[in-house]
Amino acid sequence: MMAPENSKFLKAYDMASSTTQQFPPDVLLHFYALYKRATEQNGFYIPPTNKGDLRSAFKINALVQVKSLSKDEAKKRYIEMVEEHIGKIPE
């Protein structure tokens, strides 16, 4: 059985994935990092990088900022971000 917060997290992810809203890059990076932290399977996730790839550097920086969060805390914060930026998550 899925825990209620997992169900709410999945609904939050669906909302974030399907929104047509435009967000500043820092908000998008925070969504990305929280999602990756909440769903990582085998330790800390590091995206593949190309030397000099600025986008990857920003992603890594965002991930480092959330690495101390537990998976459950990352899910909770992701849900809070969706509700703040997109809207209330249906029950």
N, C-alpha and C. Protein backbone atom coordinates (compact mmCIF):
# COMPACT_ATOMS: atom_id res chain seq x y z
N MET A 1 0.84 -1.20 0.00
CA MET A 1 0.00 0.00 0.00
C MET A 1 0.88 1.25 0.00
N MET A 2 0.51 2.23 -0.78
CA MET A 2 1.28 3.44 -0.90
C MET A 2 0.95 4.39 0.24
N ALA A 3 1.98 4.97 0.86
CA ALA A 3 1.77 5.95 1.92
C ALA A 3 1.08 7.18 1.34
N PRO A 4 0.23 7.85 2.15
CA PRO A 4 -0.50 9.02 1.64
C PRO A 4 0.43 10.08 1.05
N GLU A 5 1.61 10.31 1.69
CA GLU A 5 2.50 11.34 1.16
C GLU A 5 3.08 10.94 -0.20
N ASN A 6 3.23 9.64 -0.45
CA ASN A 6 3.68 9.20 -1.78
C ASN A 6 2.63 9.50 -2.83
N SER A 7 1.39 9.25 -2.50
CA SER A 7 0.29 9.53 -3.42
C SER A 7 0.22 11.03 -3.71
N LYS A 8 0.34 11.85 -2.68
CA LYS A 8 0.30 13.30 -2.86
C LYS A 8 1.52 13.77 -3.66
N PHE A 9 2.67 13.16 -3.42
CA PHE A 9 3.88 13.50 -4.18
C PHE A 9 3.68 13.19 -5.66
N LEU A 10 3.10 12.03 -5.97
CA LEU A 10 2.86 11.67 -7.36
C LEU A 10 1.88 12.63 -8.03
N LYS A 11 0.86 13.04 -7.29
CA LYS A 11 -0.09 14.02 -7.82
C LYS A 11 0.61 15.36 -8.06
N ALA A 12 1.49 15.74 -7.12
CA ALA A 12 2.24 16.98 -7.26
C ALA A 12 3.13 16.92 -8.50
N TYR A 13 3.79 15.78 -8.70
CA TYR A 13 4.64 15.60 -9.88
C TYR A 13 3.82 15.71 -11.16
N ASP A 14 2.65 15.08 -11.18
CA ASP A 14 1.77 15.17 -12.35
C ASP A 14 1.39 16.62 -12.64
N MET A 15 1.08 17.37 -11.59
CA MET A 15 0.72 18.78 -11.77
C MET A 15 1.90 19.57 -12.32
N ALA A 16 3.07 19.35 -11.75
CA ALA A 16 4.26 20.09 -12.19
C ALA A 16 4.63 19.72 -13.63
N SER A 17 4.46 18.45 -13.97
CA SER A 17 4.82 17.99 -15.31
C SER A 17 3.87 18.49 -16.39
N SER A 18 2.64 18.74 -16.01
CA SER A 18 1.65 19.10 -17.03
C SER A 18 1.30 20.60 -17.05
N THR A 19 1.89 21.37 -16.14
CA THR A 19 1.56 22.80 -16.12
C THR A 19 2.13 23.50 -17.35
N THR A 20 1.44 24.52 -17.77
CA THR A 20 1.94 25.33 -18.88
C THR A 20 2.58 26.63 -18.36
N GLN A 21 2.60 26.78 -17.05
CA GLN A 21 3.20 27.97 -16.45
C GLN A 21 4.70 28.00 -16.75
N GLN A 22 5.22 29.20 -16.87
CA GLN A 22 6.65 29.41 -17.07
C GLN A 22 7.25 29.84 -15.73
N PHE A 23 8.38 29.24 -15.37
CA PHE A 23 9.03 29.56 -14.11
C PHE A 23 10.45 30.05 -14.36
N PRO A 24 10.98 30.88 -13.46
CA PRO A 24 12.38 31.29 -13.57
C PRO A 24 13.30 30.07 -13.43
N PRO A 25 14.48 30.15 -13.99
CA PRO A 25 15.40 29.01 -13.92
C PRO A 25 15.69 28.50 -12.50
N ASP A 26 15.78 29.42 -11.52
CA ASP A 26 16.09 28.97 -10.17
C ASP A 26 14.95 28.12 -9.59
N VAL A 27 13.72 28.44 -9.91
CA VAL A 27 12.58 27.64 -9.43
C VAL A 27 12.59 26.28 -10.12
N LEU A 28 12.84 26.26 -11.43
CA LEU A 28 12.91 24.99 -12.16
C LEU A 28 14.01 24.10 -11.60
N LEU A 29 15.16 24.68 -11.30
CA LEU A 29 16.26 23.90 -10.73
C LEU A 29 15.90 23.33 -9.36
N HIS A 30 15.17 24.11 -8.59
CA HIS A 30 14.76 23.63 -7.26
C HIS A 30 13.76 22.47 -7.39
N PHE A 31 12.80 22.60 -8.30
CA PHE A 31 11.88 21.49 -8.59
C PHE A 31 12.69 20.25 -8.98
N TYR A 32 13.62 20.43 -9.90
CA TYR A 32 14.45 19.33 -10.39
C TYR A 32 15.20 18.65 -9.25
N ALA A 33 15.88 19.43 -8.43
CA ALA A 33 16.71 18.87 -7.37
C ALA A 33 15.86 18.14 -6.32
N LEU A 34 14.74 18.73 -5.94
CA LEU A 34 13.87 18.06 -4.96
C LEU A 34 13.31 16.76 -5.52
N TYR A 35 12.91 16.77 -6.79
CA TYR A 35 12.38 15.56 -7.40
C TYR A 35 13.46 14.47 -7.44
N LYS A 36 14.65 14.83 -7.89
CA LYS A 36 15.74 13.84 -7.97
C LYS A 36 16.08 13.30 -6.58
N ARG A 37 16.12 14.18 -5.58
CA ARG A 37 16.43 13.73 -4.22
C ARG A 37 15.33 12.81 -3.68
N ALA A 38 14.09 13.13 -3.99
CA ALA A 38 12.96 12.34 -3.49
C ALA A 38 12.86 10.98 -4.15
N THR A 39 13.38 10.86 -5.36
CA THR A 39 13.20 9.62 -6.12
C THR A 39 14.48 8.84 -6.35
N GLU A 40 15.62 9.33 -5.89
CA GLU A 40 16.87 8.62 -6.15
C GLU A 40 16.84 7.24 -5.50
N GLN A 41 17.48 6.28 -6.15
CA GLN A 41 17.46 4.90 -5.68
C GLN A 41 18.74 4.47 -4.97
N ASN A 42 19.87 4.87 -5.50
CA ASN A 42 21.15 4.35 -5.02
C ASN A 42 22.09 5.45 -4.57
N GLY A 43 21.71 6.19 -3.56
CA GLY A 43 22.58 7.26 -3.09
C GLY A 43 22.36 8.56 -3.83
N PHE A 44 23.30 9.45 -3.68
CA PHE A 44 23.22 10.80 -4.22
C PHE A 44 23.31 10.78 -5.75
N TYR A 45 22.35 11.38 -6.41
CA TYR A 45 22.30 11.42 -7.87
C TYR A 45 23.20 12.54 -8.40
N ILE A 46 24.06 12.20 -9.35
CA ILE A 46 24.87 13.19 -10.06
C ILE A 46 24.57 13.05 -11.55
N PRO A 47 24.11 14.13 -12.20
CA PRO A 47 23.81 14.04 -13.63
C PRO A 47 25.10 13.89 -14.44
N PRO A 48 25.02 13.27 -15.61
CA PRO A 48 26.18 13.21 -16.48
C PRO A 48 26.57 14.62 -16.91
N THR A 49 27.86 14.86 -17.05
CA THR A 49 28.30 16.20 -17.41
C THR A 49 29.24 16.17 -18.60
N ASN A 50 29.25 17.26 -19.30
CA ASN A 50 30.24 17.52 -20.35
C ASN A 50 31.09 18.67 -19.84
N LYS A 51 32.38 18.58 -20.01
CA LYS A 51 33.26 19.65 -19.55
C LYS A 51 32.78 20.98 -20.13
N GLY A 52 32.59 21.95 -19.26
CA GLY A 52 32.15 23.26 -19.71
C GLY A 52 30.65 23.39 -19.90
N ASP A 53 29.88 22.36 -19.52
CA ASP A 53 28.43 22.40 -19.67
C ASP A 53 27.82 23.17 -18.49
N LEU A 54 27.44 24.40 -18.72
CA LEU A 54 26.93 25.26 -17.66
C LEU A 54 25.63 24.73 -17.07
N ARG A 55 24.75 24.18 -17.90
CA ARG A 55 23.49 23.64 -17.42
C ARG A 55 23.73 22.53 -16.40
N SER A 56 24.66 21.62 -16.69
CA SER A 56 24.98 20.54 -15.75
C SER A 56 25.55 21.09 -14.46
N ALA A 57 26.35 22.12 -14.55
CA ALA A 57 26.92 22.73 -13.35
C ALA A 57 25.81 23.29 -12.46
N PHE A 58 24.82 23.94 -13.05
CA PHE A 58 23.70 24.45 -12.27
C PHE A 58 22.90 23.32 -11.64
N LYS A 59 22.70 22.24 -12.39
CA LYS A 59 21.97 21.08 -11.85
C LYS A 59 22.72 20.48 -10.66
N ILE A 60 24.03 20.31 -10.82
CA ILE A 60 24.82 19.74 -9.72
C ILE A 60 24.75 20.65 -8.50
N ASN A 61 24.86 21.95 -8.70
CA ASN A 61 24.77 22.88 -7.59
C ASN A 61 23.41 22.76 -6.88
N ALA A 62 22.34 22.65 -7.63
CA ALA A 62 21.00 22.51 -7.04
C ALA A 62 20.90 21.21 -6.25
N LEU A 63 21.47 20.14 -6.79
CA LEU A 63 21.43 18.84 -6.10
C LEU A 63 22.23 18.88 -4.80
N VAL A 64 23.37 19.54 -4.83
CA VAL A 64 24.19 19.65 -3.62
C VAL A 64 23.42 20.38 -2.52
N GLN A 65 22.62 21.35 -2.91
CA GLN A 65 21.85 22.13 -1.93
C GLN A 65 20.78 21.30 -1.22
N VAL A 66 20.33 20.21 -1.82
CA VAL A 66 19.27 19.40 -1.19
C VAL A 66 19.76 18.04 -0.71
N LYS A 67 21.06 17.77 -0.85
CA LYS A 67 21.55 16.42 -0.55
C LYS A 67 21.40 16.03 0.92
N SER A 68 21.32 17.00 1.83
CA SER A 68 21.17 16.67 3.25
C SER A 68 19.73 16.32 3.63
N LEU A 69 18.78 16.54 2.72
CA LEU A 69 17.38 16.21 3.00
C LEU A 69 17.16 14.71 2.88
N SER A 70 16.28 14.18 3.72
CA SER A 70 15.86 12.80 3.54
C SER A 70 14.94 12.74 2.33
N LYS A 71 14.71 11.54 1.82
CA LYS A 71 13.80 11.40 0.68
C LYS A 71 12.41 11.91 1.05
N ASP A 72 11.95 11.59 2.28
CA ASP A 72 10.62 12.05 2.71
C ASP A 72 10.55 13.57 2.83
N GLU A 73 11.61 14.19 3.35
CA GLU A 73 11.64 15.64 3.46
C GLU A 73 11.66 16.28 2.07
N ALA A 74 12.38 15.68 1.14
CA ALA A 74 12.40 16.20 -0.24
C ALA A 74 11.00 16.12 -0.86
N LYS A 75 10.29 15.01 -0.62
CA LYS A 75 8.92 14.87 -1.13
C LYS A 75 8.03 15.96 -0.54
N LYS A 76 8.16 16.17 0.77
CA LYS A 76 7.33 17.18 1.46
C LYS A 76 7.60 18.56 0.87
N ARG A 77 8.86 18.90 0.67
CA ARG A 77 9.20 20.22 0.13
C ARG A 77 8.77 20.36 -1.33
N TYR A 78 8.84 19.28 -2.08
CA TYR A 78 8.39 19.30 -3.47
C TYR A 78 6.89 19.60 -3.51
N ILE A 79 6.13 18.92 -2.67
CA ILE A 79 4.68 19.15 -2.56
C ILE A 79 4.41 20.61 -2.20
N GLU A 80 5.15 21.13 -1.23
CA GLU A 80 4.97 22.53 -0.82
C GLU A 80 5.26 23.49 -1.97
N MET A 81 6.31 23.19 -2.74
CA MET A 81 6.64 24.05 -3.89
C MET A 81 5.55 24.04 -4.95
N VAL A 82 5.02 22.86 -5.23
CA VAL A 82 3.93 22.76 -6.21
C VAL A 82 2.74 23.58 -5.74
N GLU A 83 2.39 23.44 -4.46
CA GLU A 83 1.23 24.18 -3.95
C GLU A 83 1.49 25.69 -3.96
N GLU A 84 2.73 26.09 -3.73
CA GLU A 84 3.06 27.52 -3.73
C GLU A 84 3.05 28.10 -5.15
N HIS A 85 3.59 27.37 -6.10
CA HIS A 85 3.77 27.91 -7.44
C HIS A 85 2.69 27.52 -8.45
N ILE A 86 2.01 26.40 -8.22
CA ILE A 86 1.05 25.91 -9.21
C ILE A 86 -0.38 25.88 -8.67
N GLY A 87 -0.55 25.36 -7.46
CA GLY A 87 -1.89 25.33 -6.88
C GLY A 87 -2.07 24.15 -5.95
N LYS A 88 -3.20 24.14 -5.29
CA LYS A 88 -3.53 23.10 -4.32
C LYS A 88 -3.59 21.74 -5.00
N ILE A 89 -3.02 20.75 -4.34
CA ILE A 89 -3.02 19.39 -4.87
C ILE A 89 -4.32 18.72 -4.44
N PRO A 90 -5.07 18.16 -5.40
CA PRO A 90 -6.33 17.51 -5.03
C PRO A 90 -6.09 16.29 -4.16
N GLU A 91 -7.02 16.07 -3.27
CA GLU A 91 -6.90 14.91 -2.35
C GLU A 91 -7.11 13.61 -3.07
